[in-house]
Protein backbone atom coordinates (compact mmCIF):
# COMPACT_ATOMS: atom_id res chain seq x y z
CA UNK A 1 7.27 -159.73 -32.79
CA UNK A 2 9.00 -157.83 -30.02
CA UNK A 3 9.08 -154.07 -30.19
CA UNK A 4 12.28 -152.14 -29.57
CA UNK A 5 12.55 -148.47 -28.71
CA UNK A 6 15.70 -146.52 -29.49
CA UNK A 7 16.58 -143.04 -28.31
CA UNK A 8 19.71 -141.15 -29.28
CA UNK A 9 21.31 -138.11 -27.71
CA UNK A 10 24.75 -136.73 -28.37
CA UNK A 11 28.71 -139.74 -27.97
CA UNK A 12 32.71 -141.84 -29.54
CA UNK A 13 33.43 -144.93 -27.65
CA UNK A 14 36.93 -145.50 -26.42
CA UNK A 15 36.88 -149.20 -25.60
CA UNK A 16 38.88 -150.38 -22.65
CA UNK A 17 38.99 -153.65 -20.75
CA UNK A 18 36.69 -153.84 -17.77
CA UNK A 19 38.38 -154.15 -14.37
CA UNK A 20 35.31 -156.04 -13.19
CA UNK A 21 35.29 -159.22 -15.27
CA UNK A 22 34.17 -162.42 -13.59
CA UNK A 23 34.29 -166.07 -14.61
CA UNK A 24 31.56 -168.43 -13.49
CA UNK A 25 33.11 -171.55 -11.91
CA UNK A 26 31.64 -174.96 -12.58
CA UNK A 27 28.87 -175.86 -10.18
CA UNK A 28 29.93 -178.69 -7.84
CA UNK A 29 27.48 -181.52 -7.39
CA UNK A 30 28.86 -182.93 -4.15
CA UNK A 31 26.73 -183.47 -1.07
CA UNK A 32 28.65 -180.86 0.99
CA UNK A 33 27.74 -178.25 -1.61
CA UNK A 34 24.06 -179.19 -1.44
CA UNK A 35 24.15 -178.94 2.37
CA UNK A 36 25.84 -175.53 2.14
CA UNK A 37 23.20 -174.32 -0.31
CA UNK A 38 20.40 -175.48 2.01
CA UNK A 39 22.04 -173.73 4.97
CA UNK A 40 22.36 -170.55 2.90
CA UNK A 41 18.65 -170.62 2.08
CA UNK A 42 17.75 -171.07 5.76
CA UNK A 43 20.00 -168.16 6.75
CA UNK A 44 18.42 -165.97 4.04
CA UNK A 45 14.95 -166.84 5.34
CA UNK A 46 15.92 -165.93 8.90
CA UNK A 47 17.45 -162.64 7.73
CA UNK A 48 14.26 -161.80 5.87
CA UNK A 49 12.13 -162.50 8.94
CA UNK A 50 14.41 -160.29 11.01
CA UNK A 51 14.43 -157.46 8.44
CA UNK A 52 13.42 -153.99 9.47
CA UNK A 53 10.26 -153.00 7.62
CA UNK A 54 9.27 -149.38 7.09
CA UNK A 55 5.55 -148.68 6.55
CA UNK A 56 4.68 -145.95 4.07
CA UNK A 57 1.54 -144.92 2.14
CA UNK A 58 0.98 -145.18 -1.59
CA UNK A 59 0.64 -141.63 -2.92
CA UNK A 60 -0.30 -142.51 -6.50
CA UNK A 61 -1.00 -145.56 -8.62
CA UNK A 62 -1.88 -145.95 -12.27
CA UNK A 63 -1.42 -147.90 -15.47
CA UNK A 64 1.92 -147.49 -17.23
CA UNK A 65 1.22 -149.50 -20.39
CA UNK A 66 -1.42 -149.23 -23.07
CA UNK A 67 -2.89 -152.64 -22.20
CA UNK A 68 -2.86 -152.02 -18.42
CA UNK A 69 -0.51 -154.94 -17.68
CA UNK A 70 2.06 -152.66 -16.02
CA UNK A 71 1.37 -150.40 -13.06
CA UNK A 72 3.46 -147.50 -11.80
CA UNK A 73 3.13 -146.66 -8.10
CA UNK A 74 4.66 -143.96 -5.93
CA UNK A 75 5.29 -144.45 -2.20
CA UNK A 76 5.46 -141.37 0.04
CA UNK A 77 8.55 -141.34 2.30
CA UNK A 78 7.84 -138.08 4.09
CA UNK A 79 7.87 -139.97 7.39
CA UNK A 80 10.75 -142.26 6.41
CA UNK A 81 13.59 -139.82 5.80
CA UNK A 82 16.31 -142.30 6.84
CA UNK A 83 15.18 -144.85 4.27
CA UNK A 84 14.98 -142.21 1.55
CA UNK A 85 18.48 -140.98 2.42
CA UNK A 86 19.93 -144.49 2.24
CA UNK A 87 19.07 -144.65 -1.47
CA UNK A 88 22.19 -143.17 -3.06
CA UNK A 89 22.67 -144.71 -6.52
CA UNK A 90 20.41 -145.59 -9.47
CA UNK A 91 20.10 -149.35 -9.80
CA UNK A 92 19.60 -150.05 -6.11
CA UNK A 93 16.60 -152.09 -5.01
CA UNK A 94 14.69 -153.34 -1.98
CA UNK A 95 12.02 -155.75 -0.76
CA UNK A 96 8.41 -154.65 -0.82
CA UNK A 97 5.43 -156.33 0.83
CA UNK A 98 1.79 -155.67 1.64
CA UNK A 99 0.78 -155.77 5.34
CA UNK A 100 -1.51 -158.69 6.16
CA UNK A 101 -0.32 -160.78 3.19
CA UNK A 102 2.10 -162.87 5.25
CA UNK A 103 1.64 -165.97 3.09
CA UNK A 104 3.19 -164.18 0.11
CA UNK A 105 6.91 -163.68 -0.30
CA UNK A 106 8.06 -160.05 -0.40
CA UNK A 107 8.91 -158.83 -3.89
CA UNK A 108 12.31 -157.56 -4.96
CA UNK A 109 11.73 -154.20 -6.65
CA UNK A 110 14.16 -151.91 -8.43
CA UNK A 111 13.51 -148.26 -7.63
CA UNK A 112 12.35 -146.39 -10.73
CA UNK A 113 12.85 -142.88 -9.36
CA UNK A 114 16.24 -141.17 -8.88
CA UNK A 115 17.94 -140.73 -5.49
CA UNK A 116 17.30 -137.54 -3.58
CA UNK A 117 13.51 -137.49 -3.64
CA UNK A 118 10.88 -137.86 -0.93
CA UNK A 119 9.19 -140.79 -2.66
CA UNK A 120 10.11 -144.13 -4.18
CA UNK A 121 8.52 -145.09 -7.49
CA UNK A 122 8.12 -148.63 -8.81
CA UNK A 123 7.08 -150.25 -12.08
CA UNK A 124 5.19 -153.48 -11.40
CA UNK A 125 3.81 -156.30 -13.52
CA UNK A 126 0.95 -158.23 -11.94
CA UNK A 127 1.72 -161.94 -11.58
CA UNK A 128 -1.17 -164.05 -10.20
CA UNK A 129 -0.68 -165.23 -6.64
CA UNK A 130 2.26 -162.96 -5.87
CA UNK A 131 3.00 -159.80 -3.92
CA UNK A 132 3.30 -158.00 -7.26
CA UNK A 133 -0.36 -158.74 -7.97
CA UNK A 134 -1.36 -157.27 -4.59
CA UNK A 135 0.77 -154.19 -5.19
CA UNK A 136 -0.91 -153.59 -8.54
CA UNK A 137 -4.27 -153.50 -6.79
CA UNK A 138 -3.34 -150.82 -4.26
CA UNK A 139 -4.88 -147.36 -4.25
CA UNK A 140 -3.84 -143.97 -2.89
CA UNK A 141 -3.49 -144.12 0.89
CA UNK A 142 -2.96 -147.88 1.10
CA UNK A 143 0.11 -148.83 3.13
CA UNK A 144 3.06 -150.93 1.98
CA UNK A 145 6.15 -152.03 3.90
CA UNK A 146 9.64 -151.48 2.52
CA UNK A 147 12.84 -153.28 3.44
CA UNK A 148 16.33 -151.80 3.54
CA UNK A 149 18.06 -150.54 0.40
CA UNK A 150 20.20 -153.24 -1.25
CA UNK A 151 22.89 -153.32 -3.91
CA UNK A 152 25.53 -150.81 -4.97
CA UNK A 153 23.67 -149.52 -8.02
CA UNK A 154 25.16 -148.72 -11.42
CA UNK A 155 28.94 -148.07 -11.41
CA UNK A 156 28.59 -144.61 -12.93
CA UNK A 157 32.18 -143.85 -11.95
CA UNK A 158 33.32 -146.24 -14.71
CA UNK A 159 31.95 -143.87 -17.36
CA UNK A 160 33.08 -140.71 -15.58
CA UNK A 161 34.27 -138.23 -16.73
CA UNK A 162 32.22 -138.16 -19.95
CA UNK A 163 35.39 -137.78 -22.06
CA UNK A 164 36.38 -141.31 -21.01
CA UNK A 165 33.19 -142.85 -22.43
CA UNK A 166 31.76 -140.79 -25.26
CA UNK A 167 29.38 -143.60 -26.26
CA UNK A 168 26.93 -145.09 -23.77
CA UNK A 169 24.42 -147.80 -24.71
CA UNK A 170 21.56 -148.66 -22.34
CA UNK A 171 19.54 -151.89 -22.66
CA UNK A 172 16.34 -152.98 -20.94
CA UNK A 173 13.29 -155.20 -21.45
CA UNK A 174 9.92 -155.20 -19.71
CA UNK A 175 9.99 -153.90 -16.16
CA UNK A 176 13.79 -153.85 -16.40
CA UNK A 177 13.37 -150.27 -17.59
CA UNK A 178 12.84 -149.27 -13.93
CA UNK A 179 16.48 -148.78 -12.91
CA UNK A 180 17.29 -147.31 -16.34
CA UNK A 181 14.58 -144.70 -15.78
CA UNK A 182 16.21 -143.89 -12.44
CA UNK A 183 19.61 -143.56 -14.12
CA UNK A 184 18.29 -141.28 -16.87
CA UNK A 185 16.52 -138.99 -14.42
CA UNK A 186 19.50 -138.97 -12.04
CA UNK A 187 21.81 -137.96 -14.86
CA UNK A 188 25.20 -139.21 -16.02
CA UNK A 189 26.42 -136.37 -18.20
CA UNK A 190 24.49 -137.52 -21.29
CA UNK A 191 24.53 -134.04 -22.83
CA UNK A 192 28.35 -134.06 -22.61
CA UNK A 193 28.70 -137.26 -24.65
CA UNK A 194 28.67 -137.80 -28.41
CA UNK A 195 26.21 -140.71 -28.49
CA UNK A 196 23.81 -142.01 -25.83
CA UNK A 197 21.23 -144.63 -26.82
CA UNK A 198 18.48 -146.53 -25.05
CA UNK A 199 17.34 -149.88 -26.48
CA UNK A 200 14.12 -151.04 -24.86
CA UNK A 201 12.36 -154.28 -25.78
CA UNK A 202 8.79 -155.42 -25.13
CA UNK A 203 6.47 -158.10 -26.51
CA UNK A 204 4.41 -155.44 -28.25
CA UNK A 205 3.82 -151.70 -28.20
CA UNK A 206 0.76 -152.31 -26.00
CA UNK A 207 2.89 -153.94 -23.26
CA UNK A 208 5.65 -151.32 -23.40
CA UNK A 209 6.08 -149.37 -20.18
CA UNK A 210 5.79 -145.63 -19.73
CA UNK A 211 3.46 -144.91 -22.64
CA UNK A 212 0.97 -143.55 -20.13
CA UNK A 213 1.82 -140.88 -17.55
CA UNK A 214 4.33 -138.11 -17.10
CA UNK A 215 7.43 -140.12 -18.11
CA UNK A 216 6.42 -140.96 -21.68
CA UNK A 217 8.42 -143.26 -23.98
CA UNK A 218 5.85 -143.14 -26.76
CA UNK A 219 7.71 -140.30 -28.48
CA UNK A 220 10.70 -142.55 -29.16
CA UNK A 221 11.45 -144.12 -32.53
CA UNK A 222 10.24 -147.73 -32.70
CA UNK A 223 12.01 -150.29 -34.86
C-alpha cells in the first residue's frame, strides 16, 4: 500500500478559473503527421548534440531513502556562475550526463535546491542501464556535465499575493518531490496563508525520499 505524507501550515481558498487551461486536440494519424514527428525527433537530437555542456564536480552524494533506492547529490557551481544565475524559478530543470558515457542518453533532472545558491542539488532513482544509474554511483569530486536551464518553473505569480490564494495544496510522488522541495525552500509566502499542505506519495515508507539527511520528511504525519 502506498504511503502518503501530509504537512499542514497556516490557509481559505478563493477559487477562480485558471487563465491557463488547455485542451488536448485529437492526435492525427495521417502520414504527414508521422513525417513531421520524425523530423521533430531528428531536430531534437541535433539540438542535444549541439548543446553547451558545463562540467562541474559533485560536492556530496548520499542515500535519501531508508532502503537506499534514492540518492541525493549536490553539484558545485563555484566555477559556473552563469549557469547558476540562469536558474531563476523553482520547477526548472536541465539535462545531466556523465563524461565518457556517450552511449547513454542524458537524463532530464528537476533541480531540488532553490534558486540563488552556488550548487545544484538533485534527487535521483537508479534505473539499470541509464544515466541515472551512473549518477547514483558518483562520489565527491567526480565530474558531471550540465546542460542549459529549461522550463519556466512554477507560476508562483498566480498565487501571489497570499491573500489571493489562502489555500495551497502541493502534490508529489517519488522523485517528483524534487521541484516541490525547491519551491518550499525558495518560499511562496506560506506563513502568510491560512492552509498550506503537502501530499507526498511513495510505494512504502522505506522508498520515501528525504528521510535521511538534512532535509528530513520523516517528521511528517503519515496516513
